[in-house]
Amino acid sequence: MAVPKKKTSKGKRNQRHAVWKAKANVAAAKALSLGKSILTGRAQGFVYPVTEDEAED
């Protein structure tokens, strides 16, 4: 089993956690932006399947 050689400092741990949280915020903002653009009909480069039943409505 792999074991770390030295104890990781609190600063390094907190920095890693902050980067992880920041990535989540960026991903959430992109998802919200994409959702808004799809709802307004301005989506560029995003393809989603539309069934024939939905197209007729």
N, C-alpha and C. Protein backbone atom coordinates (compact mmCIF):
# COMPACT_ATOMS: atom_id res chain seq x y z
N MET A 1 0.83 -1.17 0.00
CA MET A 1 0.00 0.00 0.00
C MET A 1 0.88 1.25 0.00
N ALA A 2 0.49 2.25 -0.79
CA ALA A 2 1.28 3.47 -0.88
C ALA A 2 1.09 4.33 0.36
N VAL A 3 2.23 4.82 0.87
CA VAL A 3 2.22 5.66 2.06
C VAL A 3 3.01 6.92 1.75
N PRO A 4 2.48 8.10 2.11
CA PRO A 4 3.23 9.33 1.86
C PRO A 4 4.53 9.36 2.68
N LYS A 5 5.57 9.94 2.10
CA LYS A 5 6.87 9.98 2.76
C LYS A 5 6.90 11.01 3.88
N LYS A 6 6.29 12.19 3.64
CA LYS A 6 6.30 13.24 4.64
C LYS A 6 4.88 13.76 4.84
N LYS A 7 4.67 14.35 5.99
CA LYS A 7 3.37 14.94 6.27
C LYS A 7 3.17 16.19 5.42
N THR A 8 2.01 16.31 4.81
CA THR A 8 1.70 17.49 4.01
C THR A 8 1.32 18.63 4.94
N SER A 9 1.84 19.80 4.67
CA SER A 9 1.58 20.96 5.53
C SER A 9 0.13 21.42 5.38
N LYS A 10 -0.35 22.12 6.39
CA LYS A 10 -1.72 22.63 6.36
C LYS A 10 -1.91 23.61 5.22
N GLY A 11 -0.89 24.42 4.96
CA GLY A 11 -0.98 25.41 3.87
C GLY A 11 -1.13 24.73 2.51
N LYS A 12 -0.36 23.69 2.29
CA LYS A 12 -0.42 22.97 1.03
C LYS A 12 -1.79 22.30 0.87
N ARG A 13 -2.27 21.70 1.97
CA ARG A 13 -3.59 21.06 1.96
C ARG A 13 -4.69 22.08 1.65
N ASN A 14 -4.61 23.25 2.32
CA ASN A 14 -5.63 24.28 2.10
C ASN A 14 -5.58 24.83 0.69
N GLN A 15 -4.38 24.96 0.14
CA GLN A 15 -4.22 25.45 -1.23
C GLN A 15 -4.85 24.47 -2.22
N ARG A 16 -4.61 23.18 -2.02
CA ARG A 16 -5.18 22.16 -2.88
C ARG A 16 -6.70 22.18 -2.80
N HIS A 17 -7.23 22.35 -1.60
CA HIS A 17 -8.68 22.39 -1.40
C HIS A 17 -9.28 23.63 -2.09
N ALA A 18 -8.59 24.78 -2.01
CA ALA A 18 -9.08 26.00 -2.63
C ALA A 18 -9.12 25.87 -4.15
N VAL A 19 -8.12 25.22 -4.73
CA VAL A 19 -8.10 25.01 -6.18
C VAL A 19 -9.26 24.11 -6.59
N TRP A 20 -9.50 23.08 -5.80
CA TRP A 20 -10.58 22.15 -6.09
C TRP A 20 -11.93 22.87 -6.05
N LYS A 21 -12.13 23.73 -5.04
CA LYS A 21 -13.37 24.49 -4.91
C LYS A 21 -13.52 25.47 -6.07
N ALA A 22 -12.42 26.11 -6.49
CA ALA A 22 -12.48 27.08 -7.58
C ALA A 22 -12.88 26.41 -8.88
N LYS A 23 -12.38 25.20 -9.12
CA LYS A 23 -12.75 24.47 -10.34
C LYS A 23 -14.25 24.19 -10.35
N ALA A 24 -14.82 23.88 -9.18
CA ALA A 24 -16.25 23.62 -9.10
C ALA A 24 -17.04 24.88 -9.43
N ASN A 25 -16.60 26.03 -8.94
CA ASN A 25 -17.30 27.29 -9.22
C ASN A 25 -17.27 27.62 -10.71
N VAL A 26 -16.13 27.40 -11.35
CA VAL A 26 -16.01 27.67 -12.79
C VAL A 26 -16.92 26.74 -13.58
N ALA A 27 -16.96 25.46 -13.22
CA ALA A 27 -17.80 24.50 -13.92
C ALA A 27 -19.28 24.84 -13.74
N ALA A 28 -19.66 25.26 -12.55
CA ALA A 28 -21.05 25.63 -12.29
C ALA A 28 -21.44 26.86 -13.10
N ALA A 29 -20.56 27.85 -13.19
CA ALA A 29 -20.84 29.05 -13.97
C ALA A 29 -21.00 28.73 -15.44
N LYS A 30 -20.15 27.85 -15.97
CA LYS A 30 -20.25 27.46 -17.38
C LYS A 30 -21.55 26.72 -17.64
N ALA A 31 -21.94 25.83 -16.73
CA ALA A 31 -23.18 25.08 -16.90
C ALA A 31 -24.38 26.01 -16.87
N LEU A 32 -24.38 26.98 -15.98
CA LEU A 32 -25.48 27.93 -15.90
C LEU A 32 -25.56 28.78 -17.16
N SER A 33 -24.41 29.22 -17.64
CA SER A 33 -24.37 30.02 -18.86
C SER A 33 -24.89 29.24 -20.05
N LEU A 34 -24.48 27.98 -20.16
CA LEU A 34 -24.94 27.13 -21.26
C LEU A 34 -26.44 26.91 -21.17
N GLY A 35 -26.94 26.67 -19.97
CA GLY A 35 -28.38 26.47 -19.79
C GLY A 35 -29.17 27.70 -20.19
N LYS A 36 -28.68 28.88 -19.82
CA LYS A 36 -29.37 30.12 -20.18
C LYS A 36 -29.37 30.31 -21.69
N SER A 37 -28.24 30.01 -22.34
CA SER A 37 -28.17 30.21 -23.79
C SER A 37 -29.07 29.23 -24.53
N ILE A 38 -29.22 28.03 -24.00
CA ILE A 38 -30.12 27.06 -24.63
C ILE A 38 -31.56 27.52 -24.50
N LEU A 39 -31.93 28.02 -23.33
CA LEU A 39 -33.30 28.48 -23.11
C LEU A 39 -33.64 29.69 -23.98
N THR A 40 -32.68 30.56 -24.23
CA THR A 40 -32.94 31.75 -25.05
C THR A 40 -32.79 31.45 -26.53
N GLY A 41 -32.25 30.27 -26.88
CA GLY A 41 -32.08 29.92 -28.28
C GLY A 41 -30.81 30.45 -28.90
N ARG A 42 -29.88 30.92 -28.10
CA ARG A 42 -28.63 31.49 -28.62
C ARG A 42 -27.46 30.53 -28.53
N ALA A 43 -27.71 29.27 -28.26
CA ALA A 43 -26.63 28.31 -28.08
C ALA A 43 -25.85 28.14 -29.38
N GLN A 44 -24.54 28.30 -29.31
CA GLN A 44 -23.66 28.12 -30.46
C GLN A 44 -22.75 26.93 -30.17
N GLY A 45 -22.76 25.95 -31.04
CA GLY A 45 -21.85 24.83 -30.88
C GLY A 45 -22.32 23.78 -29.89
N PHE A 46 -23.57 23.87 -29.48
CA PHE A 46 -24.09 22.86 -28.56
C PHE A 46 -25.23 22.16 -29.27
N VAL A 47 -25.09 20.85 -29.48
CA VAL A 47 -26.09 20.09 -30.22
C VAL A 47 -26.75 19.13 -29.26
N TYR A 48 -28.07 19.14 -29.22
CA TYR A 48 -28.79 18.19 -28.39
C TYR A 48 -29.91 17.59 -29.24
N PRO A 49 -30.19 16.30 -29.07
CA PRO A 49 -31.18 15.64 -29.91
C PRO A 49 -32.60 16.13 -29.64
N VAL A 50 -33.34 16.30 -30.71
CA VAL A 50 -34.75 16.67 -30.61
C VAL A 50 -35.55 15.57 -31.30
N THR A 51 -36.44 14.94 -30.55
CA THR A 51 -37.25 13.88 -31.15
C THR A 51 -38.34 14.50 -32.01
N GLU A 52 -38.92 13.72 -32.88
CA GLU A 52 -39.94 14.23 -33.79
C GLU A 52 -41.19 14.66 -33.03
N ASP A 53 -41.50 13.99 -31.93
CA ASP A 53 -42.68 14.37 -31.13
C ASP A 53 -42.52 15.78 -30.55
N GLU A 54 -41.33 16.09 -30.09
CA GLU A 54 -41.09 17.41 -29.53
C GLU A 54 -41.09 18.48 -30.62
N ALA A 55 -40.62 18.14 -31.81
CA ALA A 55 -40.55 19.10 -32.89
C ALA A 55 -41.95 19.49 -33.36
N GLU A 56 -42.91 18.58 -33.28
CA GLU A 56 -44.26 18.87 -33.75
C GLU A 56 -45.02 19.76 -32.78
N ASP A 57 -44.66 19.72 -31.50
CA ASP A 57 -45.38 20.53 -30.50
C ASP A 57 -45.12 21.99 -30.63
